[in-house]
N, C-alpha and C. Protein backbone atom coordinates (compact mmCIF):
# COMPACT_ATOMS: atom_id res chain seq x y z
N MET A 1 0.75 -1.19 0.04
CA MET A 1 -0.03 -0.02 -0.03
C MET A 1 0.84 1.22 -0.06
N SER A 2 0.40 2.40 -0.55
CA SER A 2 1.14 3.53 -0.67
C SER A 2 1.28 4.23 0.59
N MET A 3 2.34 5.09 0.69
CA MET A 3 2.51 6.01 1.87
C MET A 3 1.35 6.85 2.17
N TRP A 4 0.72 7.32 1.04
CA TRP A 4 -0.43 8.30 1.20
C TRP A 4 -1.69 7.71 1.76
N TRP A 5 -1.84 6.38 1.55
CA TRP A 5 -2.94 5.60 2.16
C TRP A 5 -2.72 5.66 3.62
N PHE A 6 -1.51 5.48 4.14
CA PHE A 6 -1.36 5.58 5.56
C PHE A 6 -1.53 6.95 6.15
N ILE A 7 -1.09 7.98 5.39
CA ILE A 7 -1.28 9.29 5.81
C ILE A 7 -2.74 9.70 5.91
N THR A 8 -3.52 9.31 4.86
CA THR A 8 -4.94 9.57 5.00
C THR A 8 -5.60 8.93 6.16
N THR A 9 -5.29 7.49 6.29
CA THR A 9 -5.90 6.71 7.44
C THR A 9 -5.59 7.42 8.70
N LEU A 10 -4.37 7.75 8.87
CA LEU A 10 -3.84 8.30 10.23
C LEU A 10 -4.62 9.65 10.40
N ALA A 11 -4.68 10.37 9.41
CA ALA A 11 -5.34 11.76 9.60
C ALA A 11 -6.80 11.56 10.04
N ILE A 12 -7.50 10.66 9.40
CA ILE A 12 -8.89 10.35 9.61
C ILE A 12 -9.03 9.83 11.13
N THR A 13 -8.15 8.88 11.49
CA THR A 13 -8.15 8.37 12.77
C THR A 13 -7.96 9.33 13.95
N ALA A 14 -6.96 10.25 13.60
CA ALA A 14 -6.56 11.24 14.58
C ALA A 14 -7.73 12.25 14.78
N PHE A 15 -8.42 12.58 13.59
CA PHE A 15 -9.56 13.53 13.71
C PHE A 15 -10.70 12.90 14.48
N ILE A 16 -11.04 11.61 14.18
CA ILE A 16 -12.15 10.93 14.94
C ILE A 16 -11.90 10.85 16.38
N SER A 17 -10.56 10.34 16.69
CA SER A 17 -10.28 10.16 18.15
C SER A 17 -10.31 11.49 18.88
N ASN A 18 -10.15 12.55 18.21
CA ASN A 18 -10.00 13.93 18.87
C ASN A 18 -11.32 14.66 18.76
N SER A 19 -12.38 14.03 18.16
CA SER A 19 -13.62 14.77 17.82
C SER A 19 -14.30 15.46 19.09
N PRO A 20 -14.57 14.66 20.12
CA PRO A 20 -14.93 15.45 21.25
C PRO A 20 -13.82 15.96 22.04
N VAL A 21 -12.85 16.58 21.50
CA VAL A 21 -11.58 16.88 21.88
C VAL A 21 -11.18 16.43 23.35
N TYR A 22 -10.78 15.12 23.40
CA TYR A 22 -10.25 14.63 24.58
C TYR A 22 -8.80 14.83 24.80
N ALA A 23 -8.24 15.88 24.16
CA ALA A 23 -6.78 16.06 24.09
C ALA A 23 -6.34 16.72 25.42
N TYR A 24 -5.07 16.58 25.66
CA TYR A 24 -4.54 17.17 26.84
C TYR A 24 -4.52 18.67 26.73
N ASP A 25 -4.43 19.27 25.50
CA ASP A 25 -4.62 20.75 25.36
C ASP A 25 -5.96 21.16 25.79
N ASN A 26 -6.17 22.43 26.20
CA ASN A 26 -7.43 22.91 26.55
C ASN A 26 -8.34 22.94 25.35
N ASN A 27 -9.69 22.73 25.66
CA ASN A 27 -10.62 22.73 24.57
C ASN A 27 -10.78 24.11 24.02
N PRO A 28 -11.05 24.25 22.66
CA PRO A 28 -11.09 25.51 22.00
C PRO A 28 -12.33 26.28 22.62
N LEU A 29 -12.26 27.57 22.53
CA LEU A 29 -13.36 28.43 22.87
C LEU A 29 -14.14 29.02 21.79
N GLN A 30 -13.73 28.74 20.64
CA GLN A 30 -14.38 29.11 19.29
C GLN A 30 -14.06 28.24 18.21
N ASP A 31 -14.73 28.44 17.16
CA ASP A 31 -14.65 27.36 16.02
C ASP A 31 -13.16 27.43 15.37
N ILE A 32 -12.60 28.56 15.19
CA ILE A 32 -11.28 28.64 14.66
C ILE A 32 -10.44 29.66 15.48
N CYS A 33 -9.10 29.32 15.50
CA CYS A 33 -8.34 30.36 16.35
C CYS A 33 -6.91 30.33 15.72
N VAL A 34 -6.71 30.85 14.59
CA VAL A 34 -5.49 30.80 13.88
C VAL A 34 -4.43 31.67 14.58
N ALA A 35 -3.26 30.96 14.88
CA ALA A 35 -2.24 31.56 15.58
C ALA A 35 -1.59 32.81 14.75
N VAL A 36 -1.31 33.97 15.42
CA VAL A 36 -0.89 35.10 14.76
C VAL A 36 0.08 35.71 15.66
N TYR A 37 1.21 36.39 15.16
CA TYR A 37 2.26 37.02 15.98
C TYR A 37 2.12 38.53 15.94
N ASP A 38 1.12 39.03 15.24
CA ASP A 38 0.83 40.47 15.26
C ASP A 38 -0.25 40.82 16.16
N SER A 39 -0.04 41.46 17.18
CA SER A 39 -1.01 41.68 18.21
C SER A 39 -2.06 42.78 17.65
N HIS A 40 -1.86 43.46 16.64
CA HIS A 40 -2.66 44.33 16.11
C HIS A 40 -3.76 43.82 15.27
N ALA A 41 -3.51 42.49 14.87
CA ALA A 41 -4.48 41.84 13.97
C ALA A 41 -5.23 40.66 14.77
N SER A 42 -5.27 40.83 16.06
CA SER A 42 -5.81 39.72 16.94
C SER A 42 -6.96 40.18 17.80
N VAL A 43 -7.80 39.40 18.09
CA VAL A 43 -9.03 39.75 19.01
C VAL A 43 -9.17 38.72 20.11
N PHE A 44 -8.69 37.51 19.98
CA PHE A 44 -8.84 36.52 21.06
C PHE A 44 -7.62 36.03 21.61
N VAL A 45 -7.53 35.40 22.85
CA VAL A 45 -6.39 34.78 23.28
C VAL A 45 -6.83 33.46 23.80
N ASN A 46 -6.23 32.41 23.23
CA ASN A 46 -6.49 31.03 23.76
C ASN A 46 -5.34 30.21 23.33
N GLY A 47 -4.28 29.99 24.19
CA GLY A 47 -3.16 29.27 23.84
C GLY A 47 -2.13 30.29 23.30
N LYS A 48 -2.18 30.51 22.05
CA LYS A 48 -1.58 31.57 21.34
C LYS A 48 -2.54 32.70 21.07
N ILE A 49 -1.95 33.83 20.70
CA ILE A 49 -2.79 34.89 20.25
C ILE A 49 -3.50 34.45 18.94
N CYS A 50 -4.75 34.74 18.75
CA CYS A 50 -5.56 34.32 17.67
C CYS A 50 -5.77 35.49 16.67
N LYS A 51 -5.80 34.98 15.51
CA LYS A 51 -6.12 36.00 14.34
C LYS A 51 -7.56 36.27 14.31
N ASP A 52 -7.99 37.38 14.10
CA ASP A 52 -9.41 37.73 13.79
C ASP A 52 -9.89 36.72 12.83
N PRO A 53 -11.00 36.03 13.19
CA PRO A 53 -11.54 34.93 12.16
C PRO A 53 -11.82 35.53 10.90
N LYS A 54 -12.17 36.84 10.74
CA LYS A 54 -12.60 37.41 9.44
C LYS A 54 -11.28 37.52 8.54
N LEU A 55 -10.09 37.46 9.16
CA LEU A 55 -8.78 37.52 8.35
C LEU A 55 -8.24 36.14 8.14
N ALA A 56 -8.82 35.06 8.60
CA ALA A 56 -8.25 33.67 8.31
C ALA A 56 -8.51 33.31 6.91
N THR A 57 -7.52 32.52 6.38
CA THR A 57 -7.62 31.96 4.99
C THR A 57 -7.43 30.54 5.02
N ALA A 58 -7.63 29.97 3.83
CA ALA A 58 -7.50 28.48 3.70
C ALA A 58 -6.02 28.17 3.97
N ASP A 59 -5.05 29.02 3.71
CA ASP A 59 -3.68 28.68 3.88
C ASP A 59 -3.33 28.52 5.27
N ASP A 60 -4.13 29.12 6.28
CA ASP A 60 -3.89 28.89 7.60
C ASP A 60 -4.14 27.49 8.10
N PHE A 61 -4.74 26.68 7.22
CA PHE A 61 -5.14 25.33 7.60
C PHE A 61 -4.46 24.33 6.70
N PHE A 62 -3.46 24.79 6.00
CA PHE A 62 -2.81 24.00 4.89
C PHE A 62 -1.28 23.84 5.23
N PHE A 63 -0.72 22.69 4.87
CA PHE A 63 0.74 22.43 4.90
C PHE A 63 1.08 21.67 3.78
N SER A 64 2.23 21.96 3.09
CA SER A 64 2.70 21.18 1.97
C SER A 64 4.15 20.68 2.28
N GLY A 65 4.40 19.39 2.09
CA GLY A 65 5.83 18.92 2.24
C GLY A 65 5.91 17.75 3.04
N LEU A 66 4.92 17.06 3.57
CA LEU A 66 4.95 16.02 4.38
C LEU A 66 5.49 14.75 3.60
N ASN A 67 5.44 14.88 2.27
CA ASN A 67 6.00 13.83 1.40
C ASN A 67 7.51 13.80 1.25
N VAL A 68 8.27 14.73 1.84
CA VAL A 68 9.73 14.79 1.80
C VAL A 68 10.35 14.85 3.15
N SER A 69 11.59 14.29 3.24
CA SER A 69 12.30 14.31 4.47
C SER A 69 12.63 15.69 4.95
N GLY A 70 12.68 15.82 6.27
CA GLY A 70 13.12 17.06 6.93
C GLY A 70 14.62 17.27 7.05
N ASN A 71 15.03 18.29 7.71
CA ASN A 71 16.51 18.55 7.84
C ASN A 71 17.08 17.43 8.69
N PRO A 72 18.20 16.88 8.22
CA PRO A 72 18.81 15.75 8.98
C PRO A 72 19.57 16.12 10.29
N VAL A 73 19.48 15.28 11.34
CA VAL A 73 20.36 15.38 12.55
C VAL A 73 21.42 14.34 12.38
N THR A 74 22.63 14.72 11.80
CA THR A 74 23.51 13.73 11.46
C THR A 74 24.07 12.84 12.60
N LEU A 75 24.11 13.48 13.73
CA LEU A 75 24.59 12.75 14.96
C LEU A 75 23.76 11.38 15.15
N PHE A 76 22.54 11.44 14.87
CA PHE A 76 21.65 10.33 15.11
C PHE A 76 21.14 9.62 13.87
N GLY A 77 21.52 10.26 12.72
CA GLY A 77 20.90 9.69 11.46
C GLY A 77 19.42 9.81 11.38
N SER A 78 18.82 10.93 11.80
CA SER A 78 17.46 11.09 11.61
C SER A 78 17.04 12.47 11.14
N ALA A 79 15.72 12.58 10.72
CA ALA A 79 15.23 13.79 10.22
C ALA A 79 13.76 13.85 10.51
N ALA A 80 13.28 15.13 10.64
CA ALA A 80 11.91 15.29 11.02
C ALA A 80 11.24 16.40 10.31
N THR A 81 10.04 16.29 9.88
CA THR A 81 9.16 17.20 9.30
C THR A 81 7.92 17.34 10.11
N ARG A 82 7.74 18.59 10.78
CA ARG A 82 6.68 18.81 11.68
C ARG A 82 5.49 19.51 11.12
N VAL A 83 4.28 19.11 11.47
CA VAL A 83 3.14 19.85 11.20
C VAL A 83 2.51 20.13 12.49
N ASP A 84 2.81 21.28 13.10
CA ASP A 84 2.24 21.76 14.36
C ASP A 84 1.78 23.13 14.22
N VAL A 85 1.49 23.67 15.38
CA VAL A 85 0.91 25.07 15.40
C VAL A 85 1.92 26.10 14.78
N THR A 86 3.10 25.79 14.74
CA THR A 86 4.08 26.73 14.16
C THR A 86 4.04 26.68 12.63
N THR A 87 3.85 25.54 11.97
CA THR A 87 3.84 25.38 10.53
C THR A 87 2.51 25.40 10.01
N MET A 88 1.48 25.15 10.80
CA MET A 88 0.05 25.28 10.36
C MET A 88 -0.70 25.98 11.42
N PRO A 89 -0.77 27.27 11.45
CA PRO A 89 -1.39 28.11 12.57
C PRO A 89 -2.78 27.78 12.80
N GLY A 90 -3.49 27.18 11.89
CA GLY A 90 -4.94 26.84 12.11
C GLY A 90 -5.08 25.74 13.01
N LEU A 91 -3.95 24.99 13.44
CA LEU A 91 -3.99 23.95 14.47
C LEU A 91 -4.18 24.57 15.91
N ASN A 92 -4.04 25.87 16.06
CA ASN A 92 -4.17 26.46 17.38
C ASN A 92 -5.40 26.08 18.06
N THR A 93 -5.33 25.67 19.33
CA THR A 93 -6.33 25.16 20.23
C THR A 93 -6.97 23.83 19.83
N LEU A 94 -6.64 23.28 18.72
CA LEU A 94 -7.43 22.06 18.28
C LEU A 94 -6.81 20.76 18.82
N GLY A 95 -5.64 20.83 19.52
CA GLY A 95 -5.08 19.61 20.19
C GLY A 95 -4.61 18.57 19.23
N ILE A 96 -3.98 18.79 18.25
CA ILE A 96 -3.55 17.78 17.32
C ILE A 96 -2.35 18.25 16.53
N SER A 97 -1.31 17.38 16.26
CA SER A 97 -0.25 17.67 15.33
C SER A 97 0.29 16.35 14.86
N ILE A 98 1.19 16.46 13.91
CA ILE A 98 1.85 15.26 13.33
C ILE A 98 3.21 15.49 12.90
N VAL A 99 4.00 14.41 12.90
CA VAL A 99 5.42 14.64 12.61
C VAL A 99 5.74 13.44 11.60
N ARG A 100 6.50 13.74 10.58
CA ARG A 100 7.11 12.63 9.76
C ARG A 100 8.57 12.54 10.14
N ALA A 101 8.99 11.25 10.41
CA ALA A 101 10.41 11.11 10.76
C ALA A 101 10.95 10.05 9.85
N ASP A 102 12.23 10.43 9.49
CA ASP A 102 12.98 9.54 8.49
C ASP A 102 14.31 9.05 9.20
N LEU A 103 14.52 7.77 9.14
CA LEU A 103 15.75 7.25 9.85
C LEU A 103 16.65 6.58 8.78
N GLU A 104 17.99 7.04 8.82
CA GLU A 104 19.04 6.28 8.08
C GLU A 104 19.15 4.88 8.67
N PRO A 105 19.82 3.98 7.90
CA PRO A 105 20.05 2.73 8.52
C PRO A 105 20.85 2.91 9.82
N GLN A 106 20.26 2.22 10.86
CA GLN A 106 20.73 2.25 12.26
C GLN A 106 20.57 3.69 12.80
N GLY A 107 19.72 4.45 12.19
CA GLY A 107 19.43 5.83 12.65
C GLY A 107 18.56 5.78 13.81
N LEU A 108 18.59 6.73 14.68
CA LEU A 108 17.87 6.64 15.96
C LEU A 108 17.11 8.04 16.22
N VAL A 109 15.94 7.93 16.81
CA VAL A 109 15.26 9.03 17.51
C VAL A 109 15.61 8.76 18.92
N PRO A 110 16.51 9.52 19.51
CA PRO A 110 17.09 9.13 20.81
C PRO A 110 16.03 9.25 21.92
N LEU A 111 16.54 8.90 23.16
CA LEU A 111 15.69 8.93 24.27
C LEU A 111 15.14 10.44 24.41
N HIS A 112 13.81 10.46 24.56
CA HIS A 112 13.16 11.75 24.67
C HIS A 112 11.80 11.53 25.32
N THR A 113 11.12 12.65 25.55
CA THR A 113 9.76 12.60 26.12
C THR A 113 8.91 13.73 25.44
N HIS A 114 7.64 13.61 25.48
CA HIS A 114 6.74 14.62 25.25
C HIS A 114 5.77 14.85 26.35
N LEU A 115 6.00 15.76 27.15
CA LEU A 115 5.26 16.07 28.45
C LEU A 115 3.86 16.30 28.15
N LEU A 116 3.54 16.85 26.95
CA LEU A 116 2.13 17.43 26.73
C LEU A 116 1.35 16.39 25.89
N ALA A 117 1.87 15.34 25.38
CA ALA A 117 1.01 14.52 24.43
C ALA A 117 1.40 13.08 24.41
N THR A 118 0.31 12.27 24.17
CA THR A 118 0.36 10.85 23.74
C THR A 118 0.85 10.80 22.29
N ALA A 119 1.64 9.81 21.91
CA ALA A 119 2.05 9.61 20.54
C ALA A 119 1.51 8.34 19.95
N LEU A 120 1.13 8.42 18.66
CA LEU A 120 0.72 7.25 17.90
C LEU A 120 1.60 7.04 16.72
N ILE A 121 2.41 6.02 16.65
CA ILE A 121 3.40 5.87 15.64
C ILE A 121 2.90 4.88 14.62
N THR A 122 2.95 5.34 13.32
CA THR A 122 2.66 4.43 12.24
C THR A 122 3.83 4.31 11.25
N VAL A 123 4.22 3.16 11.08
CA VAL A 123 5.46 2.84 10.13
C VAL A 123 4.88 2.96 8.71
N LEU A 124 5.57 3.76 7.96
CA LEU A 124 5.23 3.79 6.51
C LEU A 124 6.11 3.04 5.66
N GLU A 125 7.39 2.90 6.16
CA GLU A 125 8.33 2.15 5.20
C GLU A 125 9.45 1.69 6.23
N GLY A 126 9.93 0.43 5.97
CA GLY A 126 11.05 -0.14 6.69
C GLY A 126 10.62 -0.84 8.04
N THR A 127 11.58 -1.05 8.83
CA THR A 127 11.34 -1.71 10.11
C THR A 127 12.10 -0.92 11.21
N VAL A 128 11.41 -0.70 12.39
CA VAL A 128 11.93 0.05 13.37
C VAL A 128 11.76 -0.67 14.80
N TYR A 129 12.55 -0.40 15.68
CA TYR A 129 12.33 -1.00 17.03
C TYR A 129 11.94 0.34 17.92
N ALA A 130 10.80 0.26 18.46
CA ALA A 130 10.23 1.40 19.27
C ALA A 130 10.01 0.84 20.71
N GLY A 131 10.13 1.77 21.68
CA GLY A 131 9.78 1.43 23.05
C GLY A 131 9.63 2.65 23.92
N PHE A 132 9.04 2.29 25.05
CA PHE A 132 8.97 3.41 26.12
C PHE A 132 9.05 2.76 27.46
N PHE A 133 9.44 3.55 28.54
CA PHE A 133 9.68 3.06 29.83
C PHE A 133 8.60 3.53 30.80
N VAL A 134 8.19 2.58 31.64
CA VAL A 134 7.16 2.89 32.66
C VAL A 134 7.91 2.70 34.03
N PRO A 135 7.77 3.73 34.87
CA PRO A 135 8.51 3.53 36.15
C PRO A 135 7.94 2.36 36.95
N ASP A 136 8.79 1.76 37.67
CA ASP A 136 8.46 0.65 38.67
C ASP A 136 7.95 1.21 39.96
N PRO A 137 6.70 1.07 40.36
CA PRO A 137 6.18 1.74 41.49
C PRO A 137 6.83 1.10 42.80
N ALA A 138 7.36 -0.03 42.73
CA ALA A 138 8.02 -0.67 43.90
C ALA A 138 9.44 -0.28 44.03
N ASN A 139 10.06 0.33 42.89
CA ASN A 139 11.45 0.69 42.98
C ASN A 139 11.87 1.70 41.98
N PHE A 140 11.86 2.96 42.40
CA PHE A 140 12.00 4.10 41.50
C PHE A 140 13.40 4.02 40.78
N PHE A 141 14.26 3.12 41.16
CA PHE A 141 15.58 2.99 40.39
C PHE A 141 15.31 2.13 39.19
N LYS A 142 14.17 1.49 38.97
CA LYS A 142 14.02 0.69 37.91
C LYS A 142 12.86 1.14 37.07
N SER A 143 12.70 0.52 35.95
CA SER A 143 11.61 0.82 35.02
C SER A 143 11.26 -0.40 34.15
N ARG A 144 10.12 -0.57 33.64
CA ARG A 144 9.73 -1.60 32.74
C ARG A 144 9.78 -1.10 31.25
N LEU A 145 10.36 -1.86 30.45
CA LEU A 145 10.46 -1.50 28.94
C LEU A 145 9.35 -2.24 28.23
N PHE A 146 8.46 -1.34 27.47
CA PHE A 146 7.57 -1.81 26.51
C PHE A 146 8.03 -1.58 25.14
N SER A 147 8.31 -2.58 24.38
CA SER A 147 8.95 -2.30 23.06
C SER A 147 8.40 -3.34 22.08
N LYS A 148 8.49 -2.96 20.77
CA LYS A 148 8.12 -3.86 19.70
C LYS A 148 8.89 -3.52 18.44
N ILE A 149 9.03 -4.63 17.65
CA ILE A 149 9.62 -4.37 16.35
C ILE A 149 8.48 -4.11 15.43
N LEU A 150 8.46 -3.00 14.75
CA LEU A 150 7.40 -2.54 13.89
C LEU A 150 7.87 -2.52 12.49
N ASN A 151 6.90 -3.11 11.59
CA ASN A 151 6.96 -3.18 10.15
C ASN A 151 6.06 -2.23 9.50
N THR A 152 6.17 -2.14 8.21
CA THR A 152 5.32 -1.22 7.52
C THR A 152 3.90 -1.50 7.72
N GLY A 153 3.10 -0.48 8.14
CA GLY A 153 1.66 -0.64 8.40
C GLY A 153 1.42 -0.84 9.91
N ASP A 154 2.38 -1.13 10.70
CA ASP A 154 2.18 -1.36 12.13
C ASP A 154 1.99 -0.06 12.87
N VAL A 155 1.30 -0.05 13.95
CA VAL A 155 0.95 1.07 14.75
C VAL A 155 1.40 0.80 16.11
N PHE A 156 1.99 1.79 16.88
CA PHE A 156 2.47 1.63 18.29
C PHE A 156 2.07 2.91 19.04
N LEU A 157 1.52 2.68 20.17
CA LEU A 157 1.13 3.68 21.12
C LEU A 157 2.13 4.05 22.18
N ILE A 158 2.48 5.33 22.40
CA ILE A 158 3.44 5.70 23.47
C ILE A 158 2.61 6.67 24.36
N PRO A 159 2.39 6.30 25.60
CA PRO A 159 1.62 7.23 26.47
C PRO A 159 2.30 8.55 26.77
N GLN A 160 1.58 9.54 27.19
CA GLN A 160 2.02 10.92 27.41
C GLN A 160 3.04 10.91 28.55
N GLY A 161 4.19 11.64 28.28
CA GLY A 161 5.17 11.94 29.29
C GLY A 161 6.24 10.88 29.59
N LEU A 162 6.09 9.68 28.97
CA LEU A 162 7.05 8.62 29.19
C LEU A 162 8.24 8.82 28.29
N ILE A 163 9.40 8.35 28.70
CA ILE A 163 10.59 8.38 27.91
C ILE A 163 10.46 7.25 26.96
N ARG A 164 10.88 7.63 25.62
CA ARG A 164 10.77 6.68 24.52
C ARG A 164 11.85 6.86 23.60
N PHE A 165 11.90 5.81 22.58
CA PHE A 165 12.91 5.89 21.51
C PHE A 165 12.34 5.17 20.30
N VAL A 166 13.01 5.42 19.11
CA VAL A 166 12.67 4.64 17.93
C VAL A 166 14.13 4.48 17.18
N TYR A 167 14.29 3.18 16.78
CA TYR A 167 15.61 2.90 16.21
C TYR A 167 15.35 2.07 14.85
N ASN A 168 16.06 2.45 13.84
CA ASN A 168 15.94 1.68 12.58
C ASN A 168 17.02 0.50 12.68
N VAL A 169 16.31 -0.65 12.67
CA VAL A 169 17.11 -1.88 12.77
C VAL A 169 17.63 -2.43 11.46
N GLU A 170 17.22 -1.83 10.37
CA GLU A 170 17.57 -2.46 9.07
C GLU A 170 18.64 -1.61 8.34
N HIS A 171 19.09 -2.05 7.31
CA HIS A 171 20.25 -1.55 6.48
C HIS A 171 19.69 -0.67 5.29
N LYS A 172 18.40 -0.18 5.43
CA LYS A 172 17.84 0.73 4.50
C LYS A 172 17.01 1.63 5.30
N LYS A 173 16.58 2.77 4.66
CA LYS A 173 15.89 3.80 5.29
C LYS A 173 14.46 3.42 5.86
N ALA A 174 14.08 4.02 6.98
CA ALA A 174 12.71 3.78 7.50
C ALA A 174 12.00 5.14 7.65
N THR A 175 10.75 5.11 7.54
CA THR A 175 9.86 6.33 7.67
C THR A 175 8.78 6.04 8.41
N PHE A 176 8.41 6.89 9.39
CA PHE A 176 7.10 6.69 10.16
C PHE A 176 6.57 8.02 10.51
N LEU A 177 5.19 8.02 10.83
CA LEU A 177 4.52 9.24 11.24
C LEU A 177 4.24 9.07 12.74
N ALA A 178 4.29 10.17 13.45
CA ALA A 178 3.87 10.21 14.84
C ALA A 178 2.89 11.26 14.99
N SER A 179 1.60 10.94 15.41
CA SER A 179 0.61 11.94 15.57
C SER A 179 0.44 12.15 17.07
N PHE A 180 0.11 13.30 17.46
CA PHE A 180 0.07 13.81 18.84
C PHE A 180 -1.29 14.46 19.15
N ASN A 181 -1.79 14.24 20.36
CA ASN A 181 -2.96 14.93 20.84
C ASN A 181 -2.60 16.24 21.52
N SER A 182 -1.75 17.05 20.81
CA SER A 182 -1.37 18.33 21.32
C SER A 182 -1.01 19.18 20.04
N GLN A 183 -1.28 20.42 20.05
CA GLN A 183 -0.84 21.23 18.89
C GLN A 183 0.65 21.45 18.87
N ASN A 184 1.31 21.31 20.03
CA ASN A 184 2.76 21.50 20.21
C ASN A 184 3.29 20.62 21.16
N PRO A 185 3.68 19.37 20.85
CA PRO A 185 4.05 18.32 21.81
C PRO A 185 5.41 18.63 22.65
N GLU A 186 6.19 19.57 22.27
CA GLU A 186 7.27 19.97 22.99
C GLU A 186 8.29 18.80 23.36
N ALA A 187 9.02 18.42 22.40
CA ALA A 187 9.90 17.20 22.72
C ALA A 187 11.08 17.68 23.57
N ILE A 188 11.42 16.85 24.50
CA ILE A 188 12.65 17.08 25.39
C ILE A 188 13.47 15.84 25.15
N MET A 189 14.73 16.21 24.47
CA MET A 189 15.71 15.24 24.11
C MET A 189 16.56 14.96 25.32
N ILE A 190 16.61 13.76 25.79
CA ILE A 190 17.32 13.51 27.06
C ILE A 190 18.77 13.70 26.99
N PRO A 191 19.53 13.18 25.91
CA PRO A 191 20.92 13.33 25.93
C PRO A 191 21.39 14.82 25.84
N SER A 192 20.80 15.57 24.92
CA SER A 192 21.22 16.90 24.76
C SER A 192 20.70 17.78 25.86
N SER A 193 19.60 17.56 26.45
CA SER A 193 19.08 18.34 27.53
C SER A 193 20.02 18.18 28.85
N ILE A 194 20.66 17.07 28.90
CA ILE A 194 21.50 16.88 30.03
C ILE A 194 22.96 17.38 29.78
N PHE A 195 23.51 17.02 28.59
CA PHE A 195 24.92 17.24 28.29
C PHE A 195 25.14 18.53 27.51
N ALA A 196 24.10 19.20 27.21
CA ALA A 196 24.20 20.52 26.42
C ALA A 196 23.41 21.51 26.98
N SER A 197 23.05 21.47 28.29
CA SER A 197 22.16 22.54 28.94
C SER A 197 22.90 23.80 29.00
N GLU A 198 22.16 24.82 29.18
CA GLU A 198 22.68 26.20 29.26
C GLU A 198 22.02 26.99 30.42
N PRO A 199 22.74 27.26 31.52
CA PRO A 199 24.19 26.99 31.71
C PRO A 199 24.33 25.49 31.89
N PRO A 200 25.63 24.90 31.81
CA PRO A 200 25.83 23.44 31.98
C PRO A 200 25.73 23.02 33.41
N ILE A 201 25.27 21.81 33.47
CA ILE A 201 25.23 21.05 34.83
C ILE A 201 26.57 20.85 35.31
N MET A 202 26.79 21.00 36.69
CA MET A 202 28.05 20.74 37.21
C MET A 202 28.62 19.37 36.91
N ASP A 203 29.94 19.24 36.62
CA ASP A 203 30.50 17.98 36.19
C ASP A 203 30.28 16.91 37.40
N ASP A 204 30.40 17.34 38.59
CA ASP A 204 30.28 16.41 39.73
C ASP A 204 28.92 15.81 39.76
N ILE A 205 27.87 16.54 39.34
CA ILE A 205 26.57 15.89 39.29
C ILE A 205 26.41 14.85 38.17
N LEU A 206 26.95 15.18 36.99
CA LEU A 206 27.02 14.21 35.92
C LEU A 206 27.89 13.05 36.21
N ALA A 207 28.91 13.24 36.84
CA ALA A 207 29.92 12.16 37.20
C ALA A 207 29.24 11.22 38.14
N LYS A 208 28.62 11.77 39.09
CA LYS A 208 27.88 10.92 40.19
C LYS A 208 26.72 10.24 39.63
N GLY A 209 25.96 10.98 38.79
CA GLY A 209 24.63 10.46 38.35
C GLY A 209 24.79 9.39 37.22
N PHE A 210 25.87 9.55 36.46
CA PHE A 210 26.00 8.64 35.24
C PHE A 210 27.30 7.75 35.51
N GLN A 211 27.97 7.84 36.56
CA GLN A 211 29.19 7.10 36.84
C GLN A 211 30.18 7.35 35.71
N LEU A 212 30.55 8.58 35.39
CA LEU A 212 31.41 8.99 34.31
C LEU A 212 32.62 9.74 35.01
N ASN A 213 33.75 9.66 34.24
CA ASN A 213 34.88 10.53 34.63
C ASN A 213 34.76 11.87 33.88
N LYS A 214 35.54 12.83 34.26
CA LYS A 214 35.44 14.18 33.60
C LYS A 214 35.84 14.27 32.18
N SER A 215 36.76 13.40 31.78
CA SER A 215 37.13 13.34 30.31
C SER A 215 35.85 12.86 29.52
N GLU A 216 35.17 11.86 29.99
CA GLU A 216 33.94 11.26 29.34
C GLU A 216 32.96 12.36 29.25
N ILE A 217 32.64 13.13 30.29
CA ILE A 217 31.75 14.20 30.44
C ILE A 217 32.05 15.24 29.38
N ALA A 218 33.31 15.65 29.20
CA ALA A 218 33.69 16.63 28.36
C ALA A 218 33.42 16.11 26.87
N GLU A 219 33.69 14.84 26.58
CA GLU A 219 33.44 14.36 25.28
C GLU A 219 31.97 14.41 24.97
N LEU A 220 31.13 14.06 25.86
CA LEU A 220 29.69 14.05 25.70
C LEU A 220 29.25 15.42 25.48
N ARG A 221 29.74 16.40 26.28
CA ARG A 221 29.35 17.87 26.05
C ARG A 221 29.63 18.34 24.65
N LYS A 222 30.85 17.91 24.15
CA LYS A 222 31.21 18.33 22.91
C LYS A 222 30.30 17.70 21.81
N LYS A 223 29.96 16.45 22.02
CA LYS A 223 29.17 15.72 20.96
C LYS A 223 27.88 16.31 20.87
N PHE A 224 27.17 16.60 21.97
CA PHE A 224 25.79 17.08 21.97
C PHE A 224 25.68 18.57 21.83
N SER A 225 26.65 19.34 21.92
CA SER A 225 26.63 20.75 21.81
C SER A 225 26.30 21.21 20.35
């Protein structure tokens, strides 16, 4: 089946699942609320400043380019194309967004979390290994890994706020879509958040927390900066 069959199916599924807006984002207060950054052209405030509905156009609800790969992150061999409130202002207050991710062979979407959204992953091409961690209530030093090998057409759910990853296990490219019940899922990438924070975390804290020496910490800072 073609990639666009999956895109259409996913879009319809996401729309239906969000119909009585059970999203984590607040429910909308009006029919449309196109995000705008010009305070002189706005009349409502709900999440982002909203464009006067009389000034909204079809382009506010349109995005072109989900059929191509986004800008690559060479360190991990991954690329992402995002359709969120930033790239499609008409999504403002509607509690939904979608991301296309492309992974090179052995490419990785590294450990990260989305505090504001649940994710639904649909594999369009290739084979990936995806998983998330659930804390062990009996021992907060441990967690339980839920993971699956996903092939073309497979769908995997990752609950809101949990640390997760996606890895391309094959020697060819893989592509998947991730849909979110938030207009802006706000990804927090664990490695770069820790080793490339501004200002930097004290070396002693990293050394103790990750059992690293200072030369290893310096190397990781350099890599993720």
